């Protein structure tokens, strides 16, 4: 294991763990932006807790049940992960994941941009890293009128399985269909 956050050579095992953790948090951002509830649920251990503050705190199943109602407020979303720091101790790890989450309101009138961090705890069980605890820290948010979109010739992203990515990238479409998402 490396010495905390200070730069140091990584063992092959630590490099693979860091890659797996990076993949986990990137999948989460993709899954929430595409409203892929089954994929979101697969990222958490059964005994995990998701804590989005006053909005929601509960088990992975409760979180996935809460999401459709919350996502109904948005026409489209984009979670951009801006920095990722991990500390690993054996089969346990912690991460601070900085994120800018852009949300277009369901009526298309406003954009809400949240700047925050996910404070995560992960555990590797049976060789696979998943969330054990995920909590959101909001640093600030902005709300502004939505600018007009020039949609000439561009496919518009949307929540759910009818997002253009699933027809333009057949491997992604087949993977979502395989999971029933």
N, C-alpha and C. Protein backbone atom coordinates (compact mmCIF):
# COMPACT_ATOMS: atom_id res chain seq x y z
N UNK A 1 0.85 -1.19 0.00
CA UNK A 1 0.00 0.00 0.00
C UNK A 1 0.89 1.23 0.00
N UNK A 2 0.48 2.26 -0.73
CA UNK A 2 1.24 3.51 -0.75
C UNK A 2 1.06 4.23 0.58
N UNK A 3 1.87 5.26 0.80
CA UNK A 3 1.85 6.01 2.05
C UNK A 3 0.84 7.15 1.96
N UNK A 4 -0.44 6.83 2.18
CA UNK A 4 -1.48 7.85 2.17
C UNK A 4 -1.64 8.52 0.82
N UNK A 5 -1.77 9.84 0.86
CA UNK A 5 -1.98 10.60 -0.37
C UNK A 5 -0.69 11.07 -1.02
N UNK A 6 0.44 10.88 -0.35
CA UNK A 6 1.72 11.33 -0.91
C UNK A 6 2.07 10.49 -2.14
N UNK A 7 2.66 11.10 -3.16
CA UNK A 7 3.08 10.33 -4.33
C UNK A 7 4.06 9.23 -3.93
N UNK A 8 3.84 8.05 -4.47
CA UNK A 8 4.69 6.90 -4.19
C UNK A 8 4.45 5.86 -5.26
N UNK A 9 5.41 4.97 -5.47
CA UNK A 9 5.17 3.89 -6.43
C UNK A 9 3.99 3.03 -5.99
N UNK A 10 3.21 2.58 -6.95
CA UNK A 10 2.08 1.71 -6.67
C UNK A 10 2.44 0.28 -7.00
N UNK A 11 2.02 -0.63 -6.15
CA UNK A 11 2.15 -2.04 -6.50
C UNK A 11 1.12 -2.34 -7.59
N UNK A 12 1.32 -3.44 -8.27
CA UNK A 12 0.35 -3.83 -9.30
C UNK A 12 -1.02 -4.04 -8.67
N UNK A 13 -1.08 -4.66 -7.49
CA UNK A 13 -2.35 -4.91 -6.82
C UNK A 13 -3.05 -3.59 -6.48
N UNK A 14 -2.30 -2.60 -5.96
CA UNK A 14 -2.92 -1.33 -5.62
C UNK A 14 -3.40 -0.60 -6.87
N UNK A 15 -2.61 -0.68 -7.93
CA UNK A 15 -3.01 -0.03 -9.18
C UNK A 15 -4.32 -0.64 -9.70
N UNK A 16 -4.45 -1.96 -9.60
CA UNK A 16 -5.69 -2.61 -10.03
C UNK A 16 -6.86 -2.24 -9.14
N UNK A 17 -6.64 -2.13 -7.83
CA UNK A 17 -7.69 -1.70 -6.92
C UNK A 17 -8.14 -0.28 -7.24
N UNK A 18 -7.19 0.60 -7.48
CA UNK A 18 -7.53 2.00 -7.81
C UNK A 18 -8.31 2.06 -9.13
N UNK A 19 -7.92 1.28 -10.08
CA UNK A 19 -8.63 1.24 -11.36
C UNK A 19 -10.06 0.73 -11.15
N UNK A 20 -10.23 -0.30 -10.33
CA UNK A 20 -11.56 -0.84 -10.06
C UNK A 20 -12.43 0.18 -9.33
N UNK A 21 -11.86 0.91 -8.36
CA UNK A 21 -12.62 1.93 -7.64
C UNK A 21 -13.00 3.08 -8.57
N UNK A 22 -12.09 3.50 -9.43
CA UNK A 22 -12.39 4.54 -10.42
C UNK A 22 -13.54 4.09 -11.33
N UNK A 23 -13.49 2.84 -11.76
CA UNK A 23 -14.54 2.29 -12.61
C UNK A 23 -15.89 2.29 -11.88
N UNK A 24 -15.89 1.91 -10.61
CA UNK A 24 -17.11 1.88 -9.81
C UNK A 24 -17.78 3.25 -9.76
N UNK A 25 -17.02 4.29 -9.43
CA UNK A 25 -17.63 5.62 -9.29
C UNK A 25 -18.04 6.19 -10.66
N UNK A 26 -17.32 5.82 -11.71
CA UNK A 26 -17.68 6.26 -13.06
C UNK A 26 -18.96 5.58 -13.52
N UNK A 27 -19.11 4.29 -13.20
CA UNK A 27 -20.35 3.58 -13.53
C UNK A 27 -21.53 4.24 -12.83
N UNK A 28 -21.34 4.62 -11.56
CA UNK A 28 -22.43 5.28 -10.82
C UNK A 28 -22.90 6.53 -11.56
N UNK A 29 -21.96 7.39 -11.97
CA UNK A 29 -22.32 8.63 -12.66
C UNK A 29 -23.09 8.31 -13.94
N UNK A 30 -22.62 7.35 -14.69
CA UNK A 30 -23.32 6.95 -15.92
C UNK A 30 -24.72 6.43 -15.58
N UNK A 31 -24.81 5.54 -14.60
CA UNK A 31 -26.08 4.89 -14.28
C UNK A 31 -27.13 5.89 -13.79
N UNK A 32 -26.73 6.85 -12.97
CA UNK A 32 -27.72 7.81 -12.48
C UNK A 32 -28.15 8.75 -13.61
N UNK A 33 -27.23 9.12 -14.49
CA UNK A 33 -27.58 10.00 -15.61
C UNK A 33 -28.49 9.30 -16.63
N UNK A 34 -28.45 7.99 -16.68
CA UNK A 34 -29.29 7.23 -17.61
C UNK A 34 -30.46 6.57 -16.90
N UNK A 35 -30.67 6.88 -15.61
CA UNK A 35 -31.76 6.31 -14.82
C UNK A 35 -31.78 4.79 -14.93
N UNK A 36 -30.61 4.19 -14.80
CA UNK A 36 -30.46 2.74 -14.89
C UNK A 36 -30.44 2.18 -13.47
N UNK A 37 -31.63 1.97 -12.93
CA UNK A 37 -31.79 1.62 -11.52
C UNK A 37 -31.17 0.27 -11.17
N UNK A 38 -31.30 -0.70 -12.05
CA UNK A 38 -30.69 -2.01 -11.79
C UNK A 38 -29.18 -1.91 -11.70
N UNK A 39 -28.59 -1.13 -12.59
CA UNK A 39 -27.14 -0.95 -12.55
C UNK A 39 -26.73 -0.22 -11.28
N UNK A 40 -27.47 0.82 -10.91
CA UNK A 40 -27.16 1.53 -9.66
C UNK A 40 -27.19 0.56 -8.49
N UNK A 41 -28.23 -0.26 -8.40
CA UNK A 41 -28.35 -1.18 -7.27
C UNK A 41 -27.18 -2.16 -7.21
N UNK A 42 -26.68 -2.58 -8.37
CA UNK A 42 -25.59 -3.56 -8.41
C UNK A 42 -24.27 -3.01 -7.88
N UNK A 43 -24.17 -1.71 -7.70
CA UNK A 43 -22.93 -1.08 -7.27
C UNK A 43 -22.77 -1.06 -5.75
N UNK A 44 -23.82 -1.41 -5.02
CA UNK A 44 -23.83 -1.35 -3.55
C UNK A 44 -23.86 -2.75 -2.94
N UNK A 45 -23.13 -2.92 -1.84
CA UNK A 45 -23.31 -4.13 -1.04
C UNK A 45 -24.70 -4.08 -0.41
N UNK A 46 -25.27 -5.23 -0.11
CA UNK A 46 -26.63 -5.28 0.45
C UNK A 46 -26.75 -4.52 1.76
N UNK A 47 -25.67 -4.46 2.56
CA UNK A 47 -25.72 -3.79 3.86
C UNK A 47 -25.20 -2.34 3.80
N UNK A 48 -25.13 -1.80 2.60
CA UNK A 48 -24.62 -0.43 2.42
C UNK A 48 -25.67 0.61 2.82
N UNK A 49 -25.20 1.85 2.94
CA UNK A 49 -26.08 2.99 3.23
C UNK A 49 -25.75 4.10 2.24
N UNK A 50 -26.78 4.70 1.67
CA UNK A 50 -26.61 5.89 0.84
C UNK A 50 -27.22 7.06 1.59
N UNK A 51 -26.44 8.14 1.73
CA UNK A 51 -26.87 9.31 2.50
C UNK A 51 -26.76 10.55 1.63
N UNK A 52 -27.89 10.99 1.11
CA UNK A 52 -27.95 12.23 0.33
C UNK A 52 -28.50 13.37 1.20
N UNK A 53 -28.22 13.31 2.50
CA UNK A 53 -28.62 14.37 3.41
C UNK A 53 -30.11 14.37 3.66
N UNK A 54 -30.70 15.56 3.76
CA UNK A 54 -32.12 15.70 4.08
C UNK A 54 -33.00 15.09 2.99
N UNK A 55 -32.46 14.94 1.77
CA UNK A 55 -33.26 14.38 0.67
C UNK A 55 -33.54 12.90 0.88
N UNK A 56 -32.50 12.15 1.31
CA UNK A 56 -32.63 10.70 1.41
C UNK A 56 -31.48 10.13 2.23
N UNK A 57 -31.78 9.12 3.04
CA UNK A 57 -30.76 8.30 3.70
C UNK A 57 -31.37 6.93 3.93
N UNK A 58 -30.71 5.89 3.41
CA UNK A 58 -31.25 4.55 3.59
C UNK A 58 -30.45 3.50 2.88
N UNK A 59 -31.05 2.33 2.77
CA UNK A 59 -30.41 1.16 2.16
C UNK A 59 -30.36 1.31 0.64
N UNK A 60 -29.58 0.47 -0.02
CA UNK A 60 -29.55 0.51 -1.49
C UNK A 60 -30.92 0.27 -2.13
N UNK A 61 -31.68 -0.66 -1.59
CA UNK A 61 -33.01 -0.92 -2.15
C UNK A 61 -33.92 0.29 -1.96
N UNK A 62 -33.86 0.91 -0.79
CA UNK A 62 -34.66 2.11 -0.54
C UNK A 62 -34.21 3.26 -1.45
N UNK A 63 -32.90 3.38 -1.68
CA UNK A 63 -32.37 4.42 -2.55
C UNK A 63 -32.90 4.25 -3.98
N UNK A 64 -32.83 3.04 -4.49
CA UNK A 64 -33.30 2.77 -5.85
C UNK A 64 -34.81 2.98 -5.95
N UNK A 65 -35.55 2.70 -4.90
CA UNK A 65 -37.00 2.95 -4.90
C UNK A 65 -37.30 4.45 -4.86
N UNK A 66 -36.43 5.24 -4.20
CA UNK A 66 -36.62 6.69 -4.08
C UNK A 66 -36.25 7.43 -5.37
N UNK A 67 -35.29 6.90 -6.11
CA UNK A 67 -34.75 7.61 -7.28
C UNK A 67 -35.78 7.99 -8.35
N UNK A 68 -36.69 7.12 -8.78
CA UNK A 68 -37.60 7.53 -9.85
C UNK A 68 -38.39 8.79 -9.54
N UNK A 69 -38.85 8.93 -8.33
CA UNK A 69 -39.58 10.14 -7.95
C UNK A 69 -38.70 11.37 -7.99
N UNK A 70 -37.47 11.23 -7.52
CA UNK A 70 -36.53 12.36 -7.54
C UNK A 70 -36.14 12.71 -8.98
N UNK A 71 -35.86 11.69 -9.79
CA UNK A 71 -35.44 11.95 -11.17
C UNK A 71 -36.57 12.50 -12.03
N UNK A 72 -37.82 12.33 -11.60
CA UNK A 72 -38.95 12.89 -12.35
C UNK A 72 -38.90 14.42 -12.39
N UNK A 73 -38.11 15.02 -11.50
CA UNK A 73 -37.95 16.48 -11.48
C UNK A 73 -37.06 17.00 -12.61
N UNK A 74 -36.37 16.08 -13.31
CA UNK A 74 -35.34 16.50 -14.26
C UNK A 74 -35.62 15.93 -15.65
N UNK A 75 -35.35 16.77 -16.64
CA UNK A 75 -35.47 16.38 -18.04
C UNK A 75 -34.23 15.61 -18.49
N UNK A 76 -33.07 16.08 -18.04
CA UNK A 76 -31.79 15.43 -18.33
C UNK A 76 -30.80 15.84 -17.25
N UNK A 77 -29.74 15.02 -17.11
CA UNK A 77 -28.71 15.28 -16.10
C UNK A 77 -27.35 14.88 -16.64
N UNK A 78 -26.32 15.44 -16.01
CA UNK A 78 -24.95 15.05 -16.34
C UNK A 78 -24.08 15.21 -15.10
N UNK A 79 -23.57 14.09 -14.61
CA UNK A 79 -22.65 14.10 -13.46
C UNK A 79 -21.22 14.04 -13.99
N UNK A 80 -20.46 15.09 -13.76
CA UNK A 80 -19.06 15.15 -14.20
C UNK A 80 -18.16 14.97 -12.99
N UNK A 81 -17.36 13.92 -12.99
CA UNK A 81 -16.43 13.65 -11.90
C UNK A 81 -15.15 14.42 -12.18
N UNK A 82 -14.80 15.32 -11.27
CA UNK A 82 -13.67 16.22 -11.55
C UNK A 82 -12.38 15.80 -10.87
N UNK A 83 -12.44 15.14 -9.74
CA UNK A 83 -11.25 14.57 -9.12
C UNK A 83 -11.67 13.39 -8.26
N UNK A 84 -10.74 12.44 -8.12
CA UNK A 84 -11.03 11.22 -7.37
C UNK A 84 -9.79 10.87 -6.55
N UNK A 85 -9.97 10.78 -5.25
CA UNK A 85 -8.88 10.38 -4.36
C UNK A 85 -9.31 9.14 -3.60
N UNK A 86 -8.43 8.15 -3.53
CA UNK A 86 -8.74 6.91 -2.83
C UNK A 86 -7.63 6.60 -1.83
N UNK A 87 -8.02 6.10 -0.68
CA UNK A 87 -7.10 5.51 0.29
C UNK A 87 -7.54 4.07 0.48
N UNK A 88 -6.60 3.15 0.37
CA UNK A 88 -6.92 1.72 0.40
C UNK A 88 -6.17 1.07 1.56
N UNK A 89 -6.89 0.26 2.32
CA UNK A 89 -6.31 -0.52 3.42
C UNK A 89 -6.86 -1.94 3.31
N UNK A 90 -6.14 -2.78 2.62
CA UNK A 90 -6.59 -4.16 2.42
C UNK A 90 -7.84 -4.20 1.58
N UNK A 91 -8.91 -4.79 2.13
CA UNK A 91 -10.18 -4.90 1.41
C UNK A 91 -11.15 -3.78 1.74
N UNK A 92 -10.65 -2.74 2.41
CA UNK A 92 -11.45 -1.55 2.71
C UNK A 92 -10.81 -0.35 2.02
N UNK A 93 -11.62 0.60 1.65
CA UNK A 93 -11.09 1.81 1.02
C UNK A 93 -12.06 2.96 1.29
N UNK A 94 -11.52 4.16 1.15
CA UNK A 94 -12.32 5.38 1.23
C UNK A 94 -12.00 6.22 0.01
N UNK A 95 -12.96 7.03 -0.40
CA UNK A 95 -12.76 7.90 -1.55
C UNK A 95 -13.47 9.22 -1.38
N UNK A 96 -12.85 10.26 -1.91
CA UNK A 96 -13.46 11.57 -2.02
C UNK A 96 -13.58 11.86 -3.51
N UNK A 97 -14.82 11.93 -3.99
CA UNK A 97 -15.10 12.07 -5.41
C UNK A 97 -15.75 13.42 -5.63
N UNK A 98 -15.04 14.35 -6.25
CA UNK A 98 -15.60 15.67 -6.54
C UNK A 98 -16.47 15.58 -7.80
N UNK A 99 -17.59 16.30 -7.77
CA UNK A 99 -18.57 16.15 -8.84
C UNK A 99 -19.26 17.48 -9.11
N UNK A 100 -19.51 17.74 -10.37
CA UNK A 100 -20.40 18.81 -10.79
C UNK A 100 -21.58 18.11 -11.46
N UNK A 101 -22.77 18.29 -10.90
CA UNK A 101 -23.95 17.62 -11.41
C UNK A 101 -24.90 18.66 -11.99
N UNK A 102 -25.08 18.61 -13.30
CA UNK A 102 -25.95 19.53 -14.02
C UNK A 102 -27.32 18.88 -14.18
N UNK A 103 -28.37 19.62 -13.88
CA UNK A 103 -29.75 19.13 -13.98
C UNK A 103 -30.60 20.14 -14.75
N UNK A 104 -31.30 19.72 -15.78
CA UNK A 104 -32.30 20.54 -16.48
C UNK A 104 -33.66 20.19 -15.90
N UNK A 105 -34.41 21.18 -15.44
CA UNK A 105 -35.70 20.91 -14.83
C UNK A 105 -36.64 20.23 -15.83
N UNK A 106 -37.62 19.50 -15.31
CA UNK A 106 -38.55 18.75 -16.16
C UNK A 106 -39.27 19.64 -17.14
N UNK A 107 -39.54 20.89 -16.76
CA UNK A 107 -40.21 21.81 -17.68
C UNK A 107 -39.25 22.51 -18.63
N UNK A 108 -37.95 22.25 -18.48
CA UNK A 108 -36.95 22.84 -19.37
C UNK A 108 -36.63 24.29 -19.09
N UNK A 109 -37.17 24.86 -18.03
CA UNK A 109 -37.03 26.29 -17.78
C UNK A 109 -35.74 26.67 -17.04
N UNK A 110 -35.22 25.78 -16.22
CA UNK A 110 -34.07 26.12 -15.39
C UNK A 110 -33.00 25.03 -15.40
N UNK A 111 -31.79 25.45 -15.14
CA UNK A 111 -30.68 24.54 -14.89
C UNK A 111 -30.29 24.68 -13.43
N UNK A 112 -30.08 23.56 -12.79
CA UNK A 112 -29.56 23.52 -11.43
C UNK A 112 -28.23 22.79 -11.51
N UNK A 113 -27.18 23.47 -11.05
CA UNK A 113 -25.84 22.89 -11.09
C UNK A 113 -25.35 22.76 -9.66
N UNK A 114 -25.13 21.52 -9.24
CA UNK A 114 -24.66 21.24 -7.88
C UNK A 114 -23.17 20.92 -7.93
N UNK A 115 -22.42 21.53 -7.04
CA UNK A 115 -20.99 21.28 -6.90
C UNK A 115 -20.80 20.62 -5.55
N UNK A 116 -20.28 19.41 -5.56
CA UNK A 116 -20.15 18.71 -4.29
C UNK A 116 -19.16 17.58 -4.35
N UNK A 117 -19.19 16.79 -3.28
CA UNK A 117 -18.28 15.66 -3.15
C UNK A 117 -19.04 14.47 -2.59
N UNK A 118 -18.72 13.31 -3.10
CA UNK A 118 -19.18 12.07 -2.50
C UNK A 118 -18.07 11.61 -1.57
N UNK A 119 -18.43 11.34 -0.33
CA UNK A 119 -17.50 10.77 0.64
C UNK A 119 -17.90 9.30 0.77
N UNK A 120 -17.07 8.45 0.19
CA UNK A 120 -17.42 7.04 0.04
C UNK A 120 -16.57 6.14 0.92
N UNK A 121 -17.18 5.05 1.33
CA UNK A 121 -16.46 3.91 1.91
C UNK A 121 -16.79 2.71 1.03
N UNK A 122 -15.78 1.95 0.71
CA UNK A 122 -15.92 0.80 -0.18
C UNK A 122 -15.40 -0.43 0.54
N UNK A 123 -15.88 -1.57 0.08
CA UNK A 123 -15.34 -2.83 0.58
C UNK A 123 -15.24 -3.79 -0.59
N UNK A 124 -14.13 -4.53 -0.61
CA UNK A 124 -13.94 -5.56 -1.63
C UNK A 124 -14.34 -6.90 -1.03
N UNK A 125 -15.37 -7.50 -1.61
CA UNK A 125 -15.85 -8.81 -1.19
C UNK A 125 -15.84 -9.73 -2.41
N UNK A 126 -15.33 -10.91 -2.22
CA UNK A 126 -15.22 -11.88 -3.32
C UNK A 126 -14.55 -11.25 -4.54
N UNK A 127 -13.55 -10.39 -4.26
CA UNK A 127 -12.75 -9.80 -5.33
C UNK A 127 -13.37 -8.59 -6.01
N UNK A 128 -14.55 -8.15 -5.57
CA UNK A 128 -15.25 -7.05 -6.23
C UNK A 128 -15.47 -5.88 -5.26
N UNK A 129 -15.06 -4.68 -5.70
CA UNK A 129 -15.29 -3.47 -4.92
C UNK A 129 -16.71 -2.97 -5.14
N UNK A 130 -17.40 -2.61 -4.05
CA UNK A 130 -18.71 -1.97 -4.13
C UNK A 130 -18.80 -0.92 -3.02
N UNK A 131 -19.83 -0.08 -3.13
CA UNK A 131 -20.08 0.92 -2.09
C UNK A 131 -20.53 0.23 -0.81
N UNK A 132 -19.97 0.67 0.31
CA UNK A 132 -20.44 0.28 1.63
C UNK A 132 -21.19 1.45 2.27
N UNK A 133 -20.73 2.65 1.97
CA UNK A 133 -21.41 3.87 2.43
C UNK A 133 -21.09 4.98 1.43
N UNK A 134 -22.11 5.71 1.04
CA UNK A 134 -21.93 6.83 0.12
C UNK A 134 -22.68 8.01 0.70
N UNK A 135 -21.98 9.13 0.91
CA UNK A 135 -22.66 10.31 1.43
C UNK A 135 -22.29 11.52 0.57
N UNK A 136 -23.26 12.37 0.36
CA UNK A 136 -23.09 13.55 -0.47
C UNK A 136 -22.82 14.76 0.41
N UNK A 137 -21.79 15.52 0.05
CA UNK A 137 -21.50 16.81 0.68
C UNK A 137 -21.69 17.86 -0.40
N UNK A 138 -22.63 18.77 -0.19
CA UNK A 138 -22.89 19.83 -1.16
C UNK A 138 -22.03 21.04 -0.81
N UNK A 139 -21.17 21.45 -1.72
CA UNK A 139 -20.34 22.64 -1.49
C UNK A 139 -21.08 23.91 -1.88
N UNK A 140 -21.76 23.88 -3.01
CA UNK A 140 -22.65 24.98 -3.39
C UNK A 140 -23.46 24.54 -4.59
N UNK A 141 -24.52 25.30 -4.86
CA UNK A 141 -25.32 25.02 -6.05
C UNK A 141 -25.75 26.34 -6.66
N UNK A 142 -26.10 26.27 -7.93
CA UNK A 142 -26.54 27.45 -8.67
C UNK A 142 -27.82 27.08 -9.40
N UNK A 143 -28.73 28.01 -9.49
CA UNK A 143 -29.91 27.83 -10.33
C UNK A 143 -29.99 29.03 -11.26
N UNK A 144 -30.25 28.74 -12.53
CA UNK A 144 -30.29 29.82 -13.53
C UNK A 144 -31.28 29.45 -14.62
N UNK A 145 -31.79 30.45 -15.32
CA UNK A 145 -32.67 30.15 -16.45
C UNK A 145 -31.92 29.30 -17.47
N UNK A 146 -32.62 28.34 -18.02
CA UNK A 146 -31.99 27.47 -19.02
C UNK A 146 -31.86 28.21 -20.34
N UNK A 147 -30.67 28.17 -20.93
CA UNK A 147 -30.53 28.81 -22.25
C UNK A 147 -31.24 27.98 -23.31
N UNK A 148 -31.62 28.61 -24.38
CA UNK A 148 -32.23 27.89 -25.50
C UNK A 148 -31.20 26.92 -26.07
N UNK A 149 -31.66 25.75 -26.45
CA UNK A 149 -30.75 24.74 -26.99
C UNK A 149 -30.88 24.71 -28.50
N UNK A 150 -29.75 24.74 -29.20
CA UNK A 150 -29.74 24.54 -30.65
C UNK A 150 -29.65 23.04 -30.88
N UNK A 151 -30.76 22.45 -31.26
CA UNK A 151 -30.80 21.00 -31.42
C UNK A 151 -30.67 20.56 -32.88
N UNK A 152 -30.30 21.47 -33.75
CA UNK A 152 -30.21 21.16 -35.17
C UNK A 152 -29.21 20.03 -35.39
N UNK A 153 -29.73 18.89 -35.80
CA UNK A 153 -28.88 17.78 -36.18
C UNK A 153 -28.27 17.00 -35.03
N UNK A 154 -28.44 17.42 -33.81
CA UNK A 154 -27.85 16.71 -32.68
C UNK A 154 -28.90 15.87 -31.97
N UNK A 155 -28.53 14.66 -31.62
CA UNK A 155 -29.41 13.83 -30.82
C UNK A 155 -29.40 14.36 -29.39
N UNK A 156 -30.55 14.44 -28.77
CA UNK A 156 -30.64 14.93 -27.40
C UNK A 156 -30.58 13.77 -26.42
N UNK A 157 -29.72 13.92 -25.42
CA UNK A 157 -29.65 12.93 -24.35
C UNK A 157 -30.91 12.98 -23.52
N UNK A 158 -31.21 11.85 -22.87
CA UNK A 158 -32.37 11.79 -22.00
C UNK A 158 -32.15 10.70 -20.96
N UNK A 159 -32.91 10.82 -19.89
CA UNK A 159 -32.88 9.78 -18.86
C UNK A 159 -33.47 8.51 -19.42
N UNK A 160 -32.98 7.38 -19.00
CA UNK A 160 -33.60 6.11 -19.35
C UNK A 160 -32.97 5.39 -20.52
N UNK A 161 -33.56 4.26 -20.84
CA UNK A 161 -33.03 3.36 -21.85
C UNK A 161 -33.21 3.82 -23.27
N UNK A 162 -33.95 4.91 -23.50
CA UNK A 162 -34.10 5.40 -24.87
C UNK A 162 -33.11 6.52 -25.19
N UNK A 163 -32.09 6.70 -24.32
CA UNK A 163 -31.02 7.64 -24.64
C UNK A 163 -30.32 7.18 -25.92
N UNK A 164 -29.93 8.11 -26.79
CA UNK A 164 -29.30 7.73 -28.07
C UNK A 164 -28.05 6.86 -27.93
N UNK A 165 -27.39 6.91 -26.80
CA UNK A 165 -26.17 6.11 -26.66
C UNK A 165 -26.45 4.63 -26.87
N UNK A 166 -27.64 4.16 -26.50
CA UNK A 166 -27.92 2.73 -26.58
C UNK A 166 -28.15 2.24 -28.01
N UNK A 167 -28.47 3.13 -28.94
CA UNK A 167 -28.55 2.72 -30.34
C UNK A 167 -27.24 3.02 -31.08
N UNK A 168 -26.52 4.02 -30.64
CA UNK A 168 -25.26 4.38 -31.31
C UNK A 168 -24.09 3.50 -30.88
N UNK A 169 -24.18 2.93 -29.69
CA UNK A 169 -23.13 2.05 -29.18
C UNK A 169 -23.75 0.69 -28.85
N UNK A 170 -23.70 -0.24 -29.81
CA UNK A 170 -24.40 -1.51 -29.65
C UNK A 170 -23.98 -2.32 -28.41
N UNK A 171 -22.73 -2.26 -28.02
CA UNK A 171 -22.32 -3.00 -26.83
C UNK A 171 -23.01 -2.46 -25.58
N UNK A 172 -23.16 -1.13 -25.48
CA UNK A 172 -23.86 -0.54 -24.36
C UNK A 172 -25.35 -0.90 -24.40
N UNK A 173 -25.95 -0.85 -25.59
CA UNK A 173 -27.36 -1.22 -25.73
C UNK A 173 -27.61 -2.66 -25.35
N UNK A 174 -26.74 -3.56 -25.82
CA UNK A 174 -26.90 -4.98 -25.50
C UNK A 174 -26.68 -5.24 -24.02
N UNK A 175 -25.75 -4.54 -23.40
CA UNK A 175 -25.49 -4.75 -21.98
C UNK A 175 -26.68 -4.29 -21.15
N UNK A 176 -27.28 -3.16 -21.50
CA UNK A 176 -28.45 -2.69 -20.75
C UNK A 176 -29.62 -3.66 -20.97
N UNK A 177 -29.81 -4.10 -22.19
CA UNK A 177 -30.90 -5.04 -22.48
C UNK A 177 -30.70 -6.37 -21.74
N UNK A 178 -29.46 -6.81 -21.66
CA UNK A 178 -29.14 -8.06 -20.96
C UNK A 178 -29.55 -7.99 -19.49
N UNK A 179 -29.38 -6.82 -18.89
CA UNK A 179 -29.72 -6.62 -17.48
C UNK A 179 -31.20 -6.29 -17.30
N UNK A 180 -31.92 -6.08 -18.40
CA UNK A 180 -33.33 -5.74 -18.30
C UNK A 180 -33.57 -4.28 -17.95
N UNK A 181 -32.52 -3.42 -18.15
CA UNK A 181 -32.64 -2.00 -17.82
C UNK A 181 -33.28 -1.26 -18.93
